[in-house]
Amino acid sequence: MKTLKTMTLVIALLGLTSGAAVAQTKVLPGEAMTVTVTIEAIEQSTRTLTVKDDKGIYETLQVGPEIKRFSELKVGDKITARYYENVVIRLKKPNEPAVDLDTGGLTRAAGARPAATAAAQRTITVTVTAMDPKTSSVTVEGPNKYKYSRKVADKKTFDTLKVGDRLDMTWTEALLVSVEPSK
């Protein structure tokens, strides 16, 4: 089982993820995480890295062909991945059209060391299908009958919602990966 830090590094090297909750327009507290590992071994033919975190835990990672500068990595290099996400929720006006947008991309740095920035944003319209006042939980349904339940931390926000309300939920994720040479 990979550690949270290593999973973040895998996300940093290979892709992205998601998360969510509710109000008029409300920004939900996001997650920010920084992970740094040191490259302990490299197998070029299989594109495998063995890395060690600051607690001395070793992990082996397969690196896909989309990482174009893999051959420039060296034993002792430090890889730092910075990940950030947040969710913005907006109560839709009646008869406002539904939204289902997905944007994002990967930018590779052209500098002396391998680096990249990846960003993704998804906005969907969901409908409140159930509410549980005992737990302040809301269940919403989105495109393709996708259902999601979440506790709403802000009681005032929970009290303003009702079954049938439509909301736009926007997830934003950003990931910055950099490599520092060994000293």
Protein backbone atom coordinates (compact mmCIF):
# COMPACT_ATOMS: atom_id res chain seq x y z
CA MET A 1 0.00 0.00 0.00
CA LYS A 2 1.46 3.34 -1.01
CA THR A 3 1.67 6.16 1.49
CA LEU A 4 -0.35 9.38 1.00
CA LYS A 5 2.87 11.22 0.19
CA THR A 6 3.89 8.68 -2.43
CA MET A 7 0.40 8.65 -3.92
CA THR A 8 0.64 12.42 -4.25
CA LEU A 9 3.95 11.98 -6.06
CA VAL A 10 2.36 9.42 -8.36
CA ILE A 11 -0.41 11.93 -9.05
CA ALA A 12 2.27 14.54 -9.66
CA LEU A 13 4.08 12.35 -12.15
CA LEU A 14 1.15 10.79 -13.91
CA GLY A 15 -2.10 12.71 -13.56
CA LEU A 16 -4.75 14.28 -11.29
CA THR A 17 -7.85 13.61 -8.94
CA SER A 18 -11.07 15.27 -7.33
CA GLY A 19 -13.34 16.15 -4.10
CA ALA A 20 -16.71 18.46 -2.87
CA ALA A 21 -20.02 20.31 -0.61
CA VAL A 22 -22.69 23.66 -0.65
CA ALA A 23 -24.25 27.66 -0.79
CA GLN A 24 -25.14 30.96 -2.75
CA THR A 25 -21.54 31.17 -3.93
CA LYS A 26 -19.24 29.52 -1.46
CA VAL A 27 -15.60 28.50 -1.60
CA LEU A 28 -14.95 25.35 0.40
CA PRO A 29 -11.64 25.00 2.18
CA GLY A 30 -9.25 23.27 -0.17
CA GLU A 31 -6.40 20.91 0.37
CA ALA A 32 -2.80 21.95 -0.08
CA MET A 33 -0.04 19.41 0.15
CA THR A 34 3.69 19.42 -0.54
CA VAL A 35 5.69 16.21 -0.87
CA THR A 36 9.43 15.90 -1.42
CA VAL A 37 11.23 12.63 -2.11
CA THR A 38 14.82 11.78 -3.01
CA ILE A 39 15.62 9.53 -5.96
CA GLU A 40 17.55 6.52 -4.62
CA ALA A 41 17.68 4.39 -7.79
CA ILE A 42 16.70 4.66 -11.46
CA GLU A 43 16.11 1.90 -13.98
CA GLN A 44 15.97 3.59 -17.40
CA SER A 45 14.90 0.49 -19.37
CA THR A 46 11.75 -0.02 -17.28
CA ARG A 47 11.28 3.68 -16.41
CA THR A 48 11.25 2.83 -12.70
CA LEU A 49 12.25 5.15 -9.85
CA THR A 50 12.97 4.12 -6.29
CA VAL A 51 12.38 7.12 -4.04
CA LYS A 52 12.72 7.77 -0.31
CA ASP A 53 10.61 10.22 1.69
CA ASP A 54 11.70 12.27 4.71
CA LYS A 55 10.68 9.43 7.05
CA GLY A 56 13.00 6.99 5.30
CA ILE A 57 10.20 5.07 3.57
CA TYR A 58 11.14 3.69 0.15
CA GLU A 59 8.68 3.34 -2.72
CA THR A 60 9.09 2.14 -6.30
CA LEU A 61 7.26 4.12 -8.99
CA GLN A 62 6.62 3.35 -12.65
CA VAL A 63 6.90 6.52 -14.75
CA GLY A 64 4.86 6.66 -17.95
CA PRO A 65 6.08 7.78 -21.38
CA GLU A 66 4.29 11.13 -21.02
CA ILE A 67 7.17 12.23 -18.76
CA LYS A 68 9.47 13.28 -21.59
CA ARG A 69 12.57 14.23 -19.56
CA PHE A 70 12.82 11.01 -17.53
CA SER A 71 16.33 10.35 -18.82
CA GLU A 72 17.55 13.58 -17.19
CA LEU A 73 16.73 12.41 -13.66
CA LYS A 74 19.72 11.41 -11.50
CA VAL A 75 20.16 9.50 -8.25
CA GLY A 76 20.12 12.03 -5.42
CA ASP A 77 17.78 14.47 -7.18
CA LYS A 78 14.90 15.73 -5.06
CA ILE A 79 11.42 15.73 -6.60
CA THR A 80 8.93 18.14 -5.05
CA ALA A 81 5.21 17.98 -5.83
CA ARG A 82 2.86 20.74 -4.68
CA TYR A 83 -0.84 19.93 -4.95
CA TYR A 84 -3.79 22.26 -4.35
CA GLU A 85 -7.53 21.82 -4.74
CA ASN A 86 -10.68 23.74 -3.89
CA VAL A 87 -14.39 23.62 -4.60
CA VAL A 88 -16.72 26.53 -5.34
CA ILE A 89 -20.48 26.00 -5.12
CA ARG A 90 -23.08 28.38 -6.52
CA LEU A 91 -26.85 28.20 -6.16
CA LYS A 92 -28.35 28.40 -9.66
CA LYS A 93 -31.21 30.66 -10.61
CA PRO A 94 -34.45 28.95 -11.75
CA ASN A 95 -34.36 27.95 -15.45
CA GLU A 96 -30.62 28.66 -15.71
CA PRO A 97 -29.09 26.11 -18.15
CA ALA A 98 -27.11 23.14 -16.81
CA VAL A 99 -23.32 23.13 -17.13
CA ASP A 100 -20.88 20.25 -17.73
CA LEU A 101 -17.41 21.61 -18.54
CA ASP A 102 -13.99 20.01 -18.23
CA THR A 103 -10.83 22.05 -18.83
CA GLY A 104 -7.17 21.66 -18.01
CA GLY A 105 -3.79 20.85 -19.33
CA LEU A 106 -0.16 20.04 -18.72
CA THR A 107 2.65 22.52 -19.22
CA ARG A 108 6.21 21.26 -19.26
CA ALA A 109 8.90 23.70 -18.19
CA ALA A 110 11.70 24.30 -20.68
CA GLY A 111 14.27 25.09 -17.98
CA ALA A 112 17.50 23.36 -17.06
CA ARG A 113 15.74 20.78 -14.84
CA PRO A 114 12.60 18.73 -15.49
CA ALA A 115 9.43 20.42 -14.19
CA ALA A 116 5.75 20.61 -15.04
CA THR A 117 2.49 22.24 -14.04
CA ALA A 118 -0.84 20.49 -14.43
CA ALA A 119 -4.21 22.09 -13.83
CA ALA A 120 -7.76 20.83 -14.18
CA GLN A 121 -11.14 22.37 -13.60
CA ARG A 122 -14.53 20.67 -13.78
CA THR A 123 -17.87 22.45 -13.46
CA ILE A 124 -21.12 20.49 -13.34
CA THR A 125 -24.69 21.26 -12.43
CA VAL A 126 -26.10 19.03 -9.70
CA THR A 127 -29.54 18.77 -8.10
CA VAL A 128 -30.11 18.35 -4.36
CA THR A 129 -31.96 15.01 -4.06
CA ALA A 130 -31.87 14.41 -0.29
CA MET A 131 -31.03 16.19 2.95
CA ASP A 132 -30.40 14.78 6.42
CA PRO A 133 -30.86 17.45 9.12
CA LYS A 134 -29.47 15.13 11.85
CA THR A 135 -26.06 14.99 10.16
CA SER A 136 -26.31 18.20 8.06
CA SER A 137 -25.67 16.03 4.98
CA VAL A 138 -26.76 16.77 1.44
CA THR A 139 -26.99 14.30 -1.43
CA VAL A 140 -26.76 15.66 -4.96
CA GLU A 141 -27.15 14.05 -8.36
CA GLY A 142 -25.21 15.20 -11.41
CA PRO A 143 -24.65 14.23 -15.01
CA ASN A 144 -24.95 10.52 -15.82
CA LYS A 145 -26.93 9.98 -12.56
CA TYR A 146 -23.73 10.45 -10.53
CA LYS A 147 -24.64 10.79 -6.81
CA TYR A 148 -22.51 12.43 -4.15
CA SER A 149 -23.22 12.93 -0.42
CA ARG A 150 -21.35 15.29 1.85
CA LYS A 151 -21.74 16.87 5.24
CA VAL A 152 -22.22 20.64 5.02
CA ALA A 153 -20.04 22.21 7.72
CA ASP A 154 -21.80 25.61 7.68
CA LYS A 155 -25.22 25.21 9.36
CA LYS A 156 -26.53 28.49 7.84
CA THR A 157 -25.68 27.21 4.37
CA PHE A 158 -27.38 23.88 5.06
CA ASP A 159 -30.52 25.69 6.27
CA THR A 160 -30.80 27.68 3.01
CA LEU A 161 -30.92 24.55 0.84
CA LYS A 162 -33.92 22.43 -0.10
CA VAL A 163 -34.49 19.29 -2.14
CA GLY A 164 -34.75 20.27 -5.81
CA ASP A 165 -32.23 23.16 -5.62
CA ARG A 166 -29.75 23.18 -8.49
CA LEU A 167 -26.11 24.01 -7.84
CA ASP A 168 -23.03 24.57 -9.97
CA MET A 169 -20.02 22.80 -8.44
CA THR A 170 -16.55 23.74 -9.68
CA TRP A 171 -13.52 21.67 -8.67
CA THR A 172 -10.11 23.22 -9.34
CA GLU A 173 -6.88 21.29 -8.98
CA ALA A 174 -3.33 22.40 -9.61
CA LEU A 175 -0.09 20.47 -9.38
CA LEU A 176 3.45 21.78 -9.68
CA VAL A 177 6.35 19.35 -9.94
CA SER A 178 9.99 20.37 -9.80
CA VAL A 179 13.31 18.55 -9.64
CA GLU A 180 16.34 19.86 -7.77
CA PRO A 181 19.75 18.33 -8.49
CA SER A 182 21.58 16.45 -5.77
CA LYS A 183 24.11 18.48 -3.81
